[in-house]
Protein backbone atom coordinates (compact mmCIF):
# COMPACT_ATOMS: atom_id res chain seq x y z
CA MET A 1 107.80 8.65 -57.29
CA LEU A 2 110.35 9.71 -59.90
CA GLY A 3 110.56 13.13 -58.25
CA ILE A 4 111.48 11.56 -54.90
CA ILE A 5 114.08 9.31 -56.54
CA ARG A 6 115.63 12.26 -58.35
CA PHE A 7 115.62 14.40 -55.18
CA LEU A 8 117.38 11.67 -53.19
CA GLY A 9 119.93 11.22 -55.98
CA LEU A 10 120.59 14.95 -56.09
CA LEU A 11 120.85 15.15 -52.29
CA ASN A 12 123.36 12.29 -52.29
CA ALA A 13 125.39 13.88 -55.09
CA ALA A 14 125.43 17.20 -53.19
CA ILE A 15 126.60 15.53 -49.97
CA TRP A 16 129.28 13.55 -51.81
CA LEU A 17 130.56 16.56 -53.77
CA GLY A 18 130.37 18.83 -50.72
CA SER A 19 132.32 16.42 -48.56
CA ALA A 20 134.98 16.05 -51.27
CA VAL A 21 135.35 19.83 -51.57
CA PHE A 22 135.50 20.22 -47.78
CA VAL A 23 138.11 17.49 -47.26
CA THR A 24 140.24 18.64 -50.21
CA PHE A 25 140.24 22.38 -49.61
CA ALA A 26 139.49 22.85 -45.89
CA ALA A 27 140.00 19.84 -43.61
CA GLY A 28 143.02 18.29 -45.33
CA PRO A 29 145.13 21.46 -45.49
CA ALA A 30 144.12 22.41 -41.92
CA PHE A 31 146.06 19.45 -40.52
CA PHE A 32 149.31 20.90 -41.87
CA SER A 33 148.60 24.60 -41.39
CA GLU A 34 150.91 26.85 -39.38
CA GLU A 35 148.32 27.05 -36.59
CA MET A 36 148.05 23.26 -36.31
CA LEU A 37 151.80 22.72 -36.40
CA THR A 38 152.34 25.15 -33.51
CA PHE A 39 150.79 22.67 -31.07
CA LEU A 40 150.80 19.35 -32.91
CA PRO A 41 153.99 17.89 -34.42
CA LYS A 42 153.89 17.06 -38.13
CA ALA A 43 154.02 13.31 -37.43
CA HIS A 44 150.92 13.56 -35.23
CA SER A 45 149.15 15.84 -37.72
CA GLY A 46 149.80 13.29 -40.46
CA ARG A 47 148.41 10.45 -38.38
CA ALA A 48 145.34 12.54 -37.46
CA ALA A 49 144.79 13.29 -41.16
CA GLN A 50 144.97 9.57 -41.91
CA LEU A 51 142.28 8.86 -39.31
CA MET A 52 140.03 11.53 -40.84
CA LEU A 53 140.61 10.10 -44.33
CA GLU A 54 139.61 6.61 -43.15
CA ARG A 55 136.21 8.00 -42.15
CA TYR A 56 135.99 10.00 -45.37
CA PHE A 57 136.54 6.78 -47.34
CA ILE A 58 133.58 5.19 -45.53
CA LEU A 59 131.42 8.21 -46.41
CA GLN A 60 132.53 7.98 -50.05
CA CYS A 61 131.62 4.28 -50.18
CA ILE A 62 128.18 5.00 -48.73
CA CYS A 63 127.58 7.82 -51.23
CA ALA A 64 128.82 5.61 -54.09
CA GLY A 65 126.40 2.86 -53.08
CA ILE A 66 123.52 5.32 -52.90
CA ALA A 67 124.49 6.75 -56.31
CA VAL A 68 124.41 3.29 -57.89
CA ALA A 69 121.08 2.52 -56.17
CA HIS A 70 119.73 5.86 -57.42
CA LEU A 71 120.63 5.13 -61.03
CA LEU A 72 119.13 1.65 -60.77
CA ALA A 73 115.93 3.01 -59.19
CA GLU A 74 115.61 5.69 -61.86
CA TRP A 75 116.13 3.08 -64.57
CA LEU A 76 113.46 0.83 -63.03
CA GLN A 77 111.05 3.75 -62.75
CA THR A 78 111.53 5.14 -66.27
CA ARG A 79 112.64 2.04 -68.17
CA GLN A 80 115.12 4.24 -70.01
CA PRO A 81 118.74 3.15 -70.11
CA VAL A 82 121.18 5.10 -67.97
CA SER A 83 123.31 7.35 -70.13
CA LEU A 84 126.60 5.75 -71.06
CA LEU A 85 128.45 8.90 -70.00
CA HIS A 86 126.85 8.91 -66.56
CA ARG A 87 127.39 5.20 -65.99
CA ASN A 88 131.04 5.30 -67.04
CA LEU A 89 131.72 8.49 -65.09
CA LEU A 90 130.25 6.99 -61.93
CA LEU A 91 132.15 3.73 -62.42
CA GLY A 92 135.38 5.69 -62.91
CA VAL A 93 134.81 7.72 -59.74
CA ILE A 94 134.01 4.57 -57.76
CA ALA A 95 137.13 2.85 -59.12
CA LEU A 96 139.30 5.80 -58.08
CA VAL A 97 137.68 5.93 -54.63
CA LEU A 98 138.34 2.22 -54.12
CA LEU A 99 141.90 2.55 -55.43
CA GLY A 100 142.54 5.38 -53.00
CA GLY A 101 140.92 3.81 -49.97
CA LEU A 102 141.91 0.19 -50.40
CA TRP A 103 145.34 0.46 -52.01
CA LEU A 104 146.91 3.93 -51.74
CA ALA A 105 145.84 4.81 -48.18
CA PRO A 106 147.18 1.58 -46.63
CA ARG A 107 150.45 2.05 -48.54
CA LEU A 108 150.79 5.58 -47.15
CA GLN A 109 149.90 4.39 -43.64
CA ARG A 110 152.65 1.75 -43.78
CA LEU A 111 155.20 4.41 -44.77
CA HIS A 112 154.26 6.76 -41.92
CA PRO A 113 156.07 4.80 -39.14
CA ALA A 114 159.17 4.59 -41.35
CA MET A 115 159.12 8.38 -41.76
CA TYR A 116 158.61 9.08 -38.04
CA PRO A 117 160.19 6.16 -36.14
CA GLU A 118 160.63 8.23 -32.96
CA MET A 119 156.84 8.54 -32.71
CA TYR A 120 156.11 4.85 -33.22
CA TYR A 121 159.10 3.12 -31.59
CA ARG A 122 160.02 5.39 -28.66
CA ASN A 123 159.40 2.56 -26.15
CA GLU A 124 161.41 0.03 -28.19
CA PRO A 125 165.03 1.26 -28.27
CA ALA A 126 166.36 -1.59 -30.44
CA MET A 127 163.63 -1.11 -33.04
CA LEU A 128 164.02 2.67 -32.90
CA GLN A 129 167.74 2.39 -33.58
CA GLU A 130 167.09 0.15 -36.57
CA MET A 131 164.21 2.19 -38.01
CA ALA A 132 165.73 5.64 -37.38
CA GLN A 133 168.63 5.21 -39.81
CA PRO A 134 168.73 8.42 -41.89
CA GLU A 135 168.84 6.65 -45.26
CA ARG A 136 165.84 4.53 -44.29
CA VAL A 137 163.85 7.59 -43.18
CA GLU A 138 164.80 9.48 -46.36
CA ALA A 139 163.76 6.57 -48.57
CA ALA A 140 160.40 6.39 -46.77
CA LYS A 141 159.85 10.14 -47.18
CA LYS A 142 160.69 9.96 -50.88
CA SER A 143 158.34 7.02 -51.42
CA PHE A 144 155.62 8.71 -49.37
CA GLY A 145 155.95 11.88 -51.47
CA LEU A 146 155.53 9.91 -54.68
CA TRP A 147 152.48 7.96 -53.50
CA HIS A 148 150.96 11.04 -51.88
CA GLY A 149 151.20 12.79 -55.25
CA VAL A 150 149.43 9.86 -56.91
CA ALA A 151 146.73 9.99 -54.21
CA GLN A 152 146.27 13.75 -54.67
CA THR A 153 145.96 13.32 -58.44
CA ALA A 154 143.36 10.58 -57.95
CA ASN A 155 141.51 12.82 -55.48
CA LEU A 156 141.45 15.66 -58.01
CA LEU A 157 140.05 13.29 -60.65
CA VAL A 158 137.40 12.11 -58.16
CA LEU A 159 136.49 15.73 -57.44
CA LEU A 160 136.11 16.49 -61.16
CA GLY A 161 134.10 13.29 -61.63
CA LEU A 162 131.80 14.26 -58.78
CA VAL A 163 131.18 17.66 -60.38
CA GLY A 164 130.19 15.79 -63.55
CA HIS A 165 128.02 13.35 -61.58
CA PHE A 166 126.28 16.23 -59.80
CA PHE A 167 125.62 17.93 -63.15
CA LEU A 168 124.24 14.74 -64.71
CA VAL A 169 122.00 13.96 -61.72
CA ASN A 170 120.67 17.51 -61.85
CA ARG A 171 119.68 17.29 -65.53
CA PRO A 172 115.96 16.93 -66.12
CA SER A 173 114.85 13.47 -67.12
CA THR A 174 113.59 12.94 -70.65
CA ALA A 175 111.18 10.28 -69.38
CA PRO A 176 107.48 11.04 -69.26
CA ARG A 177 106.40 11.93 -65.76
CA PHE A 178 103.11 10.12 -66.02
CA GLY A 179 102.47 7.13 -68.15
CA ASN A 180 102.42 3.39 -68.34
CA ARG A 181 105.95 2.24 -67.72
CA PHE A 182 105.05 -1.33 -68.68
CA ARG A 183 103.74 -0.50 -72.16
CA THR A 184 105.89 -2.05 -74.87
CA SER A 185 104.85 0.03 -77.90
């Protein structure tokens, strides 16, 4: 049973780490590559990237839930406490994921229409005139740049945390494979 629990934990860690690497180094940059920008304006590429990141956040939450369930199941099976390092690392990664998905991403999404008012308000001339003021657009771009930098830093920390989580899940257990888990002595 412990072997199955460990395999599922390792599989989850691999999927979580793999998706983070893919989004960070392949999918994310592809939205703003020269090839993409030849047929999709930057405003549309940014919105498409936001939609992809919404789905990525859901995947991260699922993987985080499975990781917590895995550590609990392993603890129940072995009756050995989860390492403090592993627990704190996982809690830190989950906190950063939630910060990014529930606080930073919505903030960035609210700034997007202010950066590209012609995309969002083209059918509302009065609103477009108000929102398209150059100083307003510049302020939105500056704020977006700052918060995007914070989000990228958090993403890098999540990626490093996931490497650590993958390493810790992959370590062999010190628990006996066979034995009475209910024995107290």
